[in-house]
């Protein structure tokens, strides 16, 4: 779901770790390029993680879970992946 609530996409969680996840997204991945969004993990919306997009490969995306301590790390990782 967009951080501003203006869009949402269904997805399947393919892999997850403490710091991020790999998702299979249904529909266009273009809105995710807004960089920051929420991964809603429950039907009630009470379980969610704030995320940043790291990479896109077709319908699969890599995301980094944003916390106050990791905000800068995700940007550094994104720059490293994009420069490869």
C-alpha atoms as a PDB file:
ATOM      1  CA  UNK A   1       0.000   0.000   0.000  1.00  0.00           C
ATOM      2  CA  UNK A   2       1.266   3.452  -0.855  1.00  0.00           C
ATOM      3  CA  UNK A   3       2.526   5.495   2.091  1.00  0.00           C
ATOM      4  CA  UNK A   4      -0.141   8.062   1.205  1.00  0.00           C
ATOM      5  CA  UNK A   5      -2.850   5.380   0.800  1.00  0.00           C
ATOM      6  CA  UNK A   6      -3.537   6.202  -2.861  1.00  0.00           C
ATOM      7  CA  UNK A   7      -2.626   2.770  -4.282  1.00  0.00           C
ATOM      8  CA  UNK A   8      -2.331  -0.867  -3.323  1.00  0.00           C
ATOM      9  CA  UNK A   9      -1.201  -4.124  -4.943  1.00  0.00           C
ATOM     10  CA  UNK A  10      -1.697  -7.752  -3.961  1.00  0.00           C
ATOM     11  CA  UNK A  11       1.510  -9.717  -3.558  1.00  0.00           C
ATOM     12  CA  UNK A  12       2.902 -13.037  -2.428  1.00  0.00           C
ATOM     13  CA  UNK A  13       5.725 -13.198   0.077  1.00  0.00           C
ATOM     14  CA  UNK A  14       8.432 -15.387  -1.505  1.00  0.00           C
ATOM     15  CA  UNK A  15      11.207 -14.917   1.041  1.00  0.00           C
ATOM     16  CA  UNK A  16      11.724 -12.829   4.160  1.00  0.00           C
ATOM     17  CA  UNK A  17      14.457 -11.965   6.606  1.00  0.00           C
ATOM     18  CA  UNK A  18      14.761  -9.575   9.505  1.00  0.00           C
ATOM     19  CA  UNK A  19      15.870  -6.779   7.165  1.00  0.00           C
ATOM     20  CA  UNK A  20      13.750  -7.287   4.042  1.00  0.00           C
ATOM     21  CA  UNK A  21      11.803  -9.529   1.702  1.00  0.00           C
ATOM     22  CA  UNK A  22      11.290 -10.754  -1.837  1.00  0.00           C
ATOM     23  CA  UNK A  23       7.754 -10.335  -3.185  1.00  0.00           C
ATOM     24  CA  UNK A  24       5.849 -11.453  -6.280  1.00  0.00           C
ATOM     25  CA  UNK A  25       3.587  -8.497  -7.153  1.00  0.00           C
ATOM     26  CA  UNK A  26       0.261  -8.820  -8.958  1.00  0.00           C
ATOM     27  CA  UNK A  27      -0.179  -6.074 -11.551  1.00  0.00           C
ATOM     28  CA  UNK A  28       2.151  -3.223 -12.318  1.00  0.00           C
ATOM     29  CA  UNK A  29       5.183  -2.616 -10.114  1.00  0.00           C
ATOM     30  CA  UNK A  30       5.315   1.048 -11.209  1.00  0.00           C
ATOM     31  CA  UNK A  31       3.670   2.439  -8.025  1.00  0.00           C
ATOM     32  CA  UNK A  32       6.345   0.752  -5.904  1.00  0.00           C
ATOM     33  CA  UNK A  33       8.917   2.988  -7.550  1.00  0.00           C
ATOM     34  CA  UNK A  34       7.524   5.745  -5.323  1.00  0.00           C
ATOM     35  CA  UNK A  35      10.298   4.302  -3.124  1.00  0.00           C
ATOM     36  CA  UNK A  36       8.503   4.110   0.246  1.00  0.00           C
ATOM     37  CA  UNK A  37       5.373   2.081   0.931  1.00  0.00           C
ATOM     38  CA  UNK A  38       3.784  -0.260   3.468  1.00  0.00           C
ATOM     39  CA  UNK A  39       3.686  -4.044   3.292  1.00  0.00           C
ATOM     40  CA  UNK A  40       0.383  -4.890   5.024  1.00  0.00           C
ATOM     41  CA  UNK A  41       0.674  -8.325   6.601  1.00  0.00           C
ATOM     42  CA  UNK A  42      -2.858  -8.790   7.964  1.00  0.00           C
ATOM     43  CA  UNK A  43      -6.402  -8.379   6.702  1.00  0.00           C
ATOM     44  CA  UNK A  44      -7.119  -5.861   9.466  1.00  0.00           C
ATOM     45  CA  UNK A  45      -4.074  -3.750   8.607  1.00  0.00           C
ATOM     46  CA  UNK A  46      -2.750  -3.956  12.158  1.00  0.00           C
ATOM     47  CA  UNK A  47       0.426  -5.805  11.123  1.00  0.00           C
ATOM     48  CA  UNK A  48       2.534  -3.911   8.605  1.00  0.00           C
ATOM     49  CA  UNK A  49       6.108  -2.942   7.786  1.00  0.00           C
ATOM     50  CA  UNK A  50       7.374   0.282   6.240  1.00  0.00           C
ATOM     51  CA  UNK A  51       9.461  -0.599   3.175  1.00  0.00           C
ATOM     52  CA  UNK A  52      11.782   0.797   0.538  1.00  0.00           C
ATOM     53  CA  UNK A  53      12.160  -0.682  -2.917  1.00  0.00           C
ATOM     54  CA  UNK A  54      15.635  -2.106  -3.586  1.00  0.00           C
ATOM     55  CA  UNK A  55      15.278  -3.903  -6.934  1.00  0.00           C
ATOM     56  CA  UNK A  56      12.714  -4.971  -9.555  1.00  0.00           C
ATOM     57  CA  UNK A  57      12.957  -8.028 -11.828  1.00  0.00           C
ATOM     58  CA  UNK A  58       9.711  -8.380 -13.787  1.00  0.00           C
ATOM     59  CA  UNK A  59       6.961  -9.037 -11.244  1.00  0.00           C
ATOM     60  CA  UNK A  60       9.411  -9.795  -8.423  1.00  0.00           C
ATOM     61  CA  UNK A  61      10.756  -7.067  -6.166  1.00  0.00           C
ATOM     62  CA  UNK A  62      13.261  -6.844  -3.353  1.00  0.00           C
ATOM     63  CA  UNK A  63      12.358  -4.634  -0.426  1.00  0.00           C
ATOM     64  CA  UNK A  64      14.144  -3.385   2.667  1.00  0.00           C
ATOM     65  CA  UNK A  65      12.222  -2.904   5.918  1.00  0.00           C
ATOM     66  CA  UNK A  66      12.675   0.692   7.084  1.00  0.00           C
ATOM     67  CA  UNK A  67      13.451   1.460  10.704  1.00  0.00           C
ATOM     68  CA  UNK A  68      14.880   4.613  12.213  1.00  0.00           C
ATOM     69  CA  UNK A  69      18.335   2.984  12.282  1.00  0.00           C
ATOM     70  CA  UNK A  70      18.278   1.561   8.763  1.00  0.00           C
ATOM     71  CA  UNK A  71      16.879   4.500   6.775  1.00  0.00           C
ATOM     72  CA  UNK A  72      20.293   5.389   5.304  1.00  0.00           C
ATOM     73  CA  UNK A  73      21.358   1.749   4.788  1.00  0.00           C
ATOM     74  CA  UNK A  74      18.600   1.053   2.271  1.00  0.00           C
ATOM     75  CA  UNK A  75      19.660   3.989   0.117  1.00  0.00           C
ATOM     76  CA  UNK A  76      23.282   2.806   0.162  1.00  0.00           C
ATOM     77  CA  UNK A  77      22.217  -0.749  -0.778  1.00  0.00           C
ATOM     78  CA  UNK A  78      20.002   0.556  -3.590  1.00  0.00           C
ATOM     79  CA  UNK A  79      22.912   2.546  -5.035  1.00  0.00           C
ATOM     80  CA  UNK A  80      25.196  -0.509  -4.807  1.00  0.00           C
ATOM     81  CA  UNK A  81      22.681  -2.801  -6.567  1.00  0.00           C
ATOM     82  CA  UNK A  82      21.890  -0.243  -9.273  1.00  0.00           C
ATOM     83  CA  UNK A  83      25.561   0.341 -10.066  1.00  0.00           C
ATOM     84  CA  UNK A  84      26.231  -3.376 -10.692  1.00  0.00           C
END
